[in-house]
Amino acid sequence: MRWETWSDFWFMGGYGLYVWGSVGMTALLLLLEMVQANQAHRRALALARSESLSEHP
């Protein structure tokens, strides 16, 4: 597809709302996934540290 202007690009032949809404939702969900993965990683590290300290007095 070829766009003559930036507004044509953003409008995407009438499908812009769906295209950019999908892009936005995907970006939001990927960001949420990264935040949750980071939190799970930190919890796992904290649990490993606490187990390691409780095993070695």
N, C-alpha and C. Protein backbone atom coordinates (compact mmCIF):
# COMPACT_ATOMS: atom_id res chain seq x y z
N MET A 1 0.84 -1.17 0.00
CA MET A 1 0.00 0.00 0.00
C MET A 1 0.88 1.23 0.00
N ARG A 2 0.48 2.23 -0.74
CA ARG A 2 1.26 3.46 -0.83
C ARG A 2 0.43 4.62 -0.30
N TRP A 3 1.04 5.41 0.57
CA TRP A 3 0.35 6.55 1.16
C TRP A 3 0.96 7.83 0.63
N GLU A 4 0.10 8.75 0.26
CA GLU A 4 0.56 10.03 -0.28
C GLU A 4 0.85 11.04 0.82
N THR A 5 0.14 10.96 1.93
CA THR A 5 0.33 11.90 3.04
C THR A 5 0.40 11.11 4.35
N TRP A 6 0.83 11.81 5.39
CA TRP A 6 0.88 11.18 6.70
C TRP A 6 -0.52 10.85 7.20
N SER A 7 -1.49 11.71 6.89
CA SER A 7 -2.85 11.41 7.35
C SER A 7 -3.38 10.14 6.67
N ASP A 8 -3.00 9.91 5.41
CA ASP A 8 -3.37 8.65 4.75
C ASP A 8 -2.76 7.46 5.48
N PHE A 9 -1.51 7.64 5.90
CA PHE A 9 -0.82 6.57 6.63
C PHE A 9 -1.55 6.26 7.94
N TRP A 10 -1.88 7.29 8.73
CA TRP A 10 -2.55 7.08 10.00
C TRP A 10 -3.97 6.55 9.82
N PHE A 11 -4.65 6.96 8.77
CA PHE A 11 -6.02 6.55 8.51
C PHE A 11 -6.09 5.11 7.97
N MET A 12 -5.05 4.69 7.28
CA MET A 12 -4.92 3.32 6.76
C MET A 12 -6.13 2.87 5.93
N GLY A 13 -6.58 3.74 5.07
CA GLY A 13 -7.69 3.37 4.20
C GLY A 13 -8.98 3.08 4.94
N GLY A 14 -9.17 3.71 6.09
CA GLY A 14 -10.38 3.51 6.87
C GLY A 14 -10.24 2.48 7.98
N TYR A 15 -9.10 1.80 8.02
CA TYR A 15 -8.88 0.76 9.04
C TYR A 15 -7.92 1.22 10.13
N GLY A 16 -7.59 2.48 10.15
CA GLY A 16 -6.61 3.00 11.11
C GLY A 16 -6.97 2.74 12.56
N LEU A 17 -8.24 2.90 12.90
CA LEU A 17 -8.66 2.67 14.29
C LEU A 17 -8.36 1.22 14.70
N TYR A 18 -8.65 0.29 13.85
CA TYR A 18 -8.41 -1.11 14.16
C TYR A 18 -6.92 -1.43 14.17
N VAL A 19 -6.20 -0.92 13.17
CA VAL A 19 -4.75 -1.18 13.09
C VAL A 19 -4.04 -0.59 14.28
N TRP A 20 -4.23 0.70 14.54
CA TRP A 20 -3.50 1.36 15.62
C TRP A 20 -4.01 0.93 16.99
N GLY A 21 -5.29 0.59 17.08
CA GLY A 21 -5.80 0.03 18.33
C GLY A 21 -5.15 -1.30 18.64
N SER A 22 -4.97 -2.12 17.62
CA SER A 22 -4.31 -3.42 17.80
C SER A 22 -2.84 -3.25 18.17
N VAL A 23 -2.18 -2.33 17.51
CA VAL A 23 -0.77 -2.05 17.82
C VAL A 23 -0.65 -1.56 19.26
N GLY A 24 -1.52 -0.64 19.65
CA GLY A 24 -1.49 -0.11 21.02
C GLY A 24 -1.78 -1.18 22.06
N MET A 25 -2.77 -2.01 21.81
CA MET A 25 -3.12 -3.08 22.76
C MET A 25 -1.98 -4.09 22.87
N THR A 26 -1.36 -4.42 21.76
CA THR A 26 -0.23 -5.36 21.79
C THR A 26 0.93 -4.78 22.58
N ALA A 27 1.23 -3.50 22.36
CA ALA A 27 2.32 -2.85 23.10
C ALA A 27 2.01 -2.82 24.59
N LEU A 28 0.77 -2.51 24.94
CA LEU A 28 0.36 -2.48 26.35
C LEU A 28 0.50 -3.86 26.99
N LEU A 29 0.04 -4.89 26.30
CA LEU A 29 0.13 -6.24 26.85
C LEU A 29 1.57 -6.73 26.96
N LEU A 30 2.42 -6.36 26.00
CA LEU A 30 3.83 -6.73 26.09
C LEU A 30 4.50 -6.04 27.27
N LEU A 31 4.16 -4.78 27.49
CA LEU A 31 4.70 -4.05 28.64
C LEU A 31 4.24 -4.69 29.94
N LEU A 32 2.96 -5.05 30.02
CA LEU A 32 2.43 -5.72 31.20
C LEU A 32 3.14 -7.06 31.43
N GLU A 33 3.38 -7.79 30.37
CA GLU A 33 4.08 -9.08 30.48
C GLU A 33 5.50 -8.88 31.02
N MET A 34 6.20 -7.85 30.54
CA MET A 34 7.55 -7.59 31.03
C MET A 34 7.55 -7.21 32.51
N VAL A 35 6.58 -6.40 32.93
CA VAL A 35 6.49 -6.00 34.34
C VAL A 35 6.22 -7.22 35.21
N GLN A 36 5.27 -8.06 34.80
CA GLN A 36 4.95 -9.25 35.58
C GLN A 36 6.12 -10.23 35.62
N ALA A 37 6.82 -10.39 34.53
CA ALA A 37 7.99 -11.29 34.51
C ALA A 37 9.08 -10.76 35.44
N ASN A 38 9.28 -9.46 35.44
CA ASN A 38 10.28 -8.86 36.32
C ASN A 38 9.91 -9.06 37.78
N GLN A 39 8.63 -8.88 38.11
CA GLN A 39 8.18 -9.09 39.49
C GLN A 39 8.35 -10.56 39.91
N ALA A 40 8.01 -11.47 39.02
CA ALA A 40 8.17 -12.90 39.33
C ALA A 40 9.64 -13.25 39.52
N HIS A 41 10.50 -12.67 38.71
CA HIS A 41 11.94 -12.91 38.84
C HIS A 41 12.45 -12.40 40.18
N ARG A 42 12.03 -11.21 40.57
CA ARG A 42 12.46 -10.66 41.87
C ARG A 42 11.96 -11.52 43.03
N ARG A 43 10.71 -11.99 42.93
CA ARG A 43 10.17 -12.86 43.99
C ARG A 43 10.96 -14.16 44.07
N ALA A 44 11.29 -14.73 42.92
CA ALA A 44 12.05 -15.98 42.90
C ALA A 44 13.44 -15.78 43.50
N LEU A 45 14.09 -14.67 43.18
CA LEU A 45 15.40 -14.39 43.75
C LEU A 45 15.32 -14.20 45.26
N ALA A 46 14.30 -13.49 45.72
CA ALA A 46 14.13 -13.27 47.16
C ALA A 46 13.87 -14.59 47.87
N LEU A 47 13.06 -15.45 47.27
CA LEU A 47 12.79 -16.76 47.87
C LEU A 47 14.07 -17.60 47.90
N ALA A 48 14.84 -17.58 46.84
CA ALA A 48 16.09 -18.34 46.80
C ALA A 48 17.06 -17.82 47.86
N ARG A 49 17.14 -16.50 48.02
CA ARG A 49 18.04 -15.94 49.03
C ARG A 49 17.58 -16.34 50.42
N SER A 50 16.28 -16.25 50.68
CA SER A 50 15.79 -16.60 52.03
C SER A 50 15.99 -18.08 52.32
N GLU A 51 15.80 -18.95 51.34
CA GLU A 51 16.04 -20.37 51.54
C GLU A 51 17.52 -20.66 51.75
N SER A 52 18.36 -19.93 51.03
CA SER A 52 19.80 -20.11 51.17
C SER A 52 20.27 -19.68 52.56
N LEU A 53 19.72 -18.59 53.06
CA LEU A 53 20.12 -18.11 54.39
C LEU A 53 19.59 -19.03 55.50
N SER A 54 18.41 -19.60 55.29
CA SER A 54 17.84 -20.47 56.35
C SER A 54 18.55 -21.83 56.39
N GLU A 55 19.17 -22.25 55.32
CA GLU A 55 19.88 -23.52 55.30
C GLU A 55 21.27 -23.42 55.94
N HIS A 56 21.87 -22.24 55.88
CA HIS A 56 23.23 -22.05 56.40
C HIS A 56 23.16 -21.09 57.60
N PRO A 57 23.15 -21.60 58.81
CA PRO A 57 23.06 -20.72 60.00
C PRO A 57 24.31 -19.92 60.24
